[in-house]
């Protein structure tokens, strides 16, 4: 392959990544139905034809956005190494780091909410449940096994239960920021309280799992 070929490949990859970044914001802000490829093209100073060249159409672009969002999340989970920590500390770290991820990647939470409106119709085109969910469950399950063996975790809660509890708390501030703020006068994404909420989540998960002494 020539140097020119390499440059063309890099340019194509860069263009594709730029389209995905802008499209992610557009879909997260407006939903699948409200998003417009015209607007994505305008924000990129390009044409719809260029976007269609790389992704084929609006539906394929949205599926690619979902695929990239879930791949980024799964990659984050796979890189999280808690093997050297005691079980109670490890599960706290998983919970708190997930909180950090979700509040810093708010588009991901919004995309998940949008996909629930569509009953996961487009997510089914991204991949099988095992490939999308397994990294998160494997990480938690390994910590649960160690905690049960050490006698510090109860044995009637599984990895899916823990993942649901963590995700519920992490999704709430993003999904309900505006309604909660209007009703209770508190911005759930105010950075001055982020550390407090982060610790709250860690405490909740540890207390949920810890064996009563």
Protein backbone atom coordinates (compact mmCIF):
# COMPACT_ATOMS: atom_id res chain seq x y z
CA UNK A 1 0.00 0.00 0.00
CA UNK A 2 1.37 3.40 -0.96
CA UNK A 3 1.73 6.44 1.26
CA UNK A 4 -1.12 8.08 -0.65
CA UNK A 5 -3.35 5.10 0.09
CA UNK A 6 -2.55 5.37 3.81
CA UNK A 7 -3.38 9.07 3.79
CA UNK A 8 -6.69 8.42 2.06
CA UNK A 9 -7.59 5.77 4.65
CA UNK A 10 -6.69 8.13 7.50
CA UNK A 11 -8.73 10.92 5.94
CA UNK A 12 -11.71 8.60 5.52
CA UNK A 13 -11.45 7.38 9.12
CA UNK A 14 -11.16 10.96 10.39
CA UNK A 15 -14.17 12.09 8.35
CA UNK A 16 -16.23 9.13 9.53
CA UNK A 17 -15.32 9.86 13.16
CA UNK A 18 -16.25 13.52 12.76
CA UNK A 19 -19.63 12.61 11.28
CA UNK A 20 -20.28 10.20 14.14
CA UNK A 21 -19.39 12.84 16.74
CA UNK A 22 -21.77 15.43 15.31
CA UNK A 23 -24.49 12.84 14.66
CA UNK A 24 -24.24 11.61 18.26
CA UNK A 25 -25.01 15.12 19.52
CA UNK A 26 -27.85 15.56 17.05
CA UNK A 27 -29.54 12.25 17.89
CA UNK A 28 -28.98 12.69 21.64
CA UNK A 29 -30.48 16.19 21.55
CA UNK A 30 -33.40 15.56 19.19
CA UNK A 31 -34.04 11.83 19.22
CA UNK A 32 -34.16 9.60 16.18
CA UNK A 33 -37.38 11.07 14.81
CA UNK A 34 -36.39 14.70 15.38
CA UNK A 35 -32.79 14.47 14.17
CA UNK A 36 -32.06 15.76 10.68
CA UNK A 37 -29.23 14.69 8.43
CA UNK A 38 -29.43 18.18 6.88
CA UNK A 39 -28.54 19.67 10.26
CA UNK A 40 -25.64 17.26 10.74
CA UNK A 41 -24.33 18.24 7.31
CA UNK A 42 -24.76 21.95 8.08
CA UNK A 43 -22.86 21.67 11.36
CA UNK A 44 -20.04 19.91 9.53
CA UNK A 45 -20.07 22.29 6.56
CA UNK A 46 -20.51 19.31 4.26
CA UNK A 47 -23.32 17.72 2.26
CA UNK A 48 -25.91 15.02 2.90
CA UNK A 49 -24.37 13.14 -0.02
CA UNK A 50 -21.07 12.91 1.86
CA UNK A 51 -22.80 11.55 4.96
CA UNK A 52 -24.77 9.05 2.92
CA UNK A 53 -21.56 8.00 1.18
CA UNK A 54 -20.11 6.89 4.52
CA UNK A 55 -23.24 5.58 6.25
CA UNK A 56 -25.91 4.93 3.63
CA UNK A 57 -28.82 6.75 5.28
CA UNK A 58 -30.30 8.13 8.48
CA UNK A 59 -31.14 4.75 10.00
CA UNK A 60 -27.69 3.31 9.28
CA UNK A 61 -26.10 6.46 10.73
CA UNK A 62 -28.16 6.16 13.92
CA UNK A 63 -27.26 2.49 14.29
CA UNK A 64 -23.60 3.41 13.84
CA UNK A 65 -23.94 6.07 16.55
CA UNK A 66 -25.43 3.48 18.92
CA UNK A 67 -22.73 0.99 18.04
CA UNK A 68 -19.98 3.51 18.76
CA UNK A 69 -21.59 4.59 22.04
CA UNK A 70 -21.92 1.04 23.34
CA UNK A 71 -18.44 0.12 22.13
CA UNK A 72 -17.01 3.06 24.06
CA UNK A 73 -18.90 2.01 27.19
CA UNK A 74 -17.85 -1.63 26.90
CA UNK A 75 -14.25 -0.58 26.30
CA UNK A 76 -14.36 1.55 29.43
CA UNK A 77 -15.63 -1.41 31.45
CA UNK A 78 -13.01 -3.77 30.06
CA UNK A 79 -10.21 -1.36 30.98
CA UNK A 80 -11.41 -1.03 34.57
CA UNK A 81 -9.07 -3.22 36.62
CA UNK A 82 -10.14 -3.84 40.22
CA UNK A 83 -8.49 -7.24 40.60
CA UNK A 84 -6.00 -5.92 43.16
CA UNK A 85 -8.65 -4.43 45.44
CA UNK A 86 -10.57 -6.04 48.27
CA UNK A 87 -14.16 -6.90 47.20
CA UNK A 88 -15.86 -4.08 49.12
CA UNK A 89 -13.48 -1.49 47.72
CA UNK A 90 -13.65 -3.02 44.24
CA UNK A 91 -17.43 -2.81 44.03
CA UNK A 92 -17.30 0.77 45.29
CA UNK A 93 -14.79 1.68 42.59
CA UNK A 94 -16.96 0.09 39.88
CA UNK A 95 -20.00 2.04 41.07
CA UNK A 96 -18.20 5.36 41.40
CA UNK A 97 -16.35 5.07 38.10
CA UNK A 98 -19.61 4.22 36.35
CA UNK A 99 -21.10 7.37 37.85
CA UNK A 100 -18.15 9.36 36.50
CA UNK A 101 -18.58 7.84 33.06
CA UNK A 102 -22.31 8.44 32.78
CA UNK A 103 -22.22 12.02 34.02
CA UNK A 104 -19.34 12.85 31.69
CA UNK A 105 -20.91 11.00 28.73
CA UNK A 106 -24.42 12.38 28.96
CA UNK A 107 -25.08 11.71 25.28
CA UNK A 108 -24.80 7.98 26.01
CA UNK A 109 -27.54 8.17 28.65
CA UNK A 110 -29.79 10.16 26.33
CA UNK A 111 -29.25 7.69 23.50
CA UNK A 112 -30.22 4.82 25.79
CA UNK A 113 -33.39 6.70 26.77
CA UNK A 114 -34.21 7.35 23.12
CA UNK A 115 -33.63 3.71 22.23
CA UNK A 116 -36.06 2.68 24.98
CA UNK A 117 -38.71 4.82 23.29
CA UNK A 118 -38.12 2.68 20.21
CA UNK A 119 -38.18 -0.51 22.32
CA UNK A 120 -34.56 -1.33 21.46
CA UNK A 121 -35.49 -1.78 17.79
CA UNK A 122 -32.27 -0.25 16.51
CA UNK A 123 -30.09 -1.72 19.25
CA UNK A 124 -30.99 -5.18 17.93
CA UNK A 125 -29.06 -4.25 14.79
CA UNK A 126 -25.96 -3.34 16.80
CA UNK A 127 -25.29 -6.74 18.33
CA UNK A 128 -26.46 -9.65 20.42
CA UNK A 129 -27.23 -9.04 24.12
CA UNK A 130 -24.25 -11.17 25.19
CA UNK A 131 -21.74 -9.05 23.30
CA UNK A 132 -23.20 -5.77 24.58
CA UNK A 133 -23.81 -6.69 28.22
CA UNK A 134 -21.22 -9.34 29.02
CA UNK A 135 -18.21 -7.12 29.85
CA UNK A 136 -20.13 -5.25 32.57
CA UNK A 137 -21.59 -8.41 34.07
CA UNK A 138 -18.30 -10.31 34.00
CA UNK A 139 -16.52 -7.51 35.85
CA UNK A 140 -19.16 -7.35 38.58
CA UNK A 141 -19.56 -11.12 38.80
CA UNK A 142 -15.85 -11.63 39.41
CA UNK A 143 -15.96 -9.19 42.34
CA UNK A 144 -19.11 -10.83 43.71
CA UNK A 145 -17.45 -14.25 43.63
CA UNK A 146 -14.46 -12.96 45.56
CA UNK A 147 -16.69 -11.18 48.06
CA UNK A 148 -18.81 -14.26 48.73
CA UNK A 149 -15.72 -16.42 49.14
CA UNK A 150 -14.39 -13.93 51.70
CA UNK A 151 -17.72 -13.92 53.51
CA UNK A 152 -18.32 -10.18 53.06
CA UNK A 153 -21.06 -10.28 50.37
CA UNK A 154 -24.55 -11.73 50.62
CA UNK A 155 -25.28 -14.46 48.08
CA UNK A 156 -28.84 -13.58 47.00
CA UNK A 157 -27.92 -10.70 44.68
CA UNK A 158 -26.41 -11.37 41.26
CA UNK A 159 -24.38 -9.28 38.84
CA UNK A 160 -27.44 -8.16 36.88
CA UNK A 161 -29.04 -6.89 40.10
CA UNK A 162 -25.93 -4.89 40.94
CA UNK A 163 -25.59 -3.53 37.42
CA UNK A 164 -29.24 -2.43 37.51
CA UNK A 165 -28.80 -0.68 40.86
CA UNK A 166 -25.66 1.16 39.71
CA UNK A 167 -27.14 2.12 36.34
CA UNK A 168 -30.37 3.38 37.92
CA UNK A 169 -28.52 5.88 40.09
CA UNK A 170 -26.14 6.92 37.29
CA UNK A 171 -28.87 7.44 34.70
CA UNK A 172 -31.23 9.39 36.97
CA UNK A 173 -29.29 12.70 37.13
CA UNK A 174 -29.01 12.93 33.35
CA UNK A 175 -32.46 11.61 32.44
CA UNK A 176 -34.31 13.64 35.08
CA UNK A 177 -32.15 16.74 35.40
CA UNK A 178 -34.69 19.23 34.14
CA UNK A 179 -37.88 17.90 35.73
CA UNK A 180 -36.12 17.30 39.07
CA UNK A 181 -34.56 20.76 38.91
CA UNK A 182 -37.91 22.39 38.25
CA UNK A 183 -39.69 20.52 41.05
CA UNK A 184 -36.97 20.55 43.71
CA UNK A 185 -34.73 23.42 42.73
CA UNK A 186 -31.58 21.31 42.49
CA UNK A 187 -29.38 20.74 39.44
CA UNK A 188 -28.40 17.08 39.65
CA UNK A 189 -25.40 17.69 37.39
CA UNK A 190 -24.00 20.59 39.35
CA UNK A 191 -20.32 19.75 39.76
CA UNK A 192 -20.24 21.08 43.31
CA UNK A 193 -22.36 18.09 44.38
CA UNK A 194 -20.85 15.45 42.09
CA UNK A 195 -18.50 14.10 44.76
CA UNK A 196 -21.38 13.83 47.22
CA UNK A 197 -23.55 11.85 44.79
CA UNK A 198 -20.59 9.70 43.81
CA UNK A 199 -20.01 8.72 47.44
CA UNK A 200 -23.73 8.20 47.99
CA UNK A 201 -23.77 5.64 45.19
CA UNK A 202 -20.70 3.84 46.51
CA UNK A 203 -22.18 3.69 50.00
CA UNK A 204 -25.51 2.41 48.69
CA UNK A 205 -23.98 -0.42 46.67
CA UNK A 206 -21.63 -1.47 49.48
CA UNK A 207 -24.47 -1.53 51.99
CA UNK A 208 -26.69 -3.40 49.56
CA UNK A 209 -24.13 -6.19 49.21
CA UNK A 210 -22.42 -6.30 52.60
CA UNK A 211 -23.25 -9.13 54.96
CA UNK A 212 -24.71 -7.88 58.24
CA UNK A 213 -22.23 -8.41 61.05
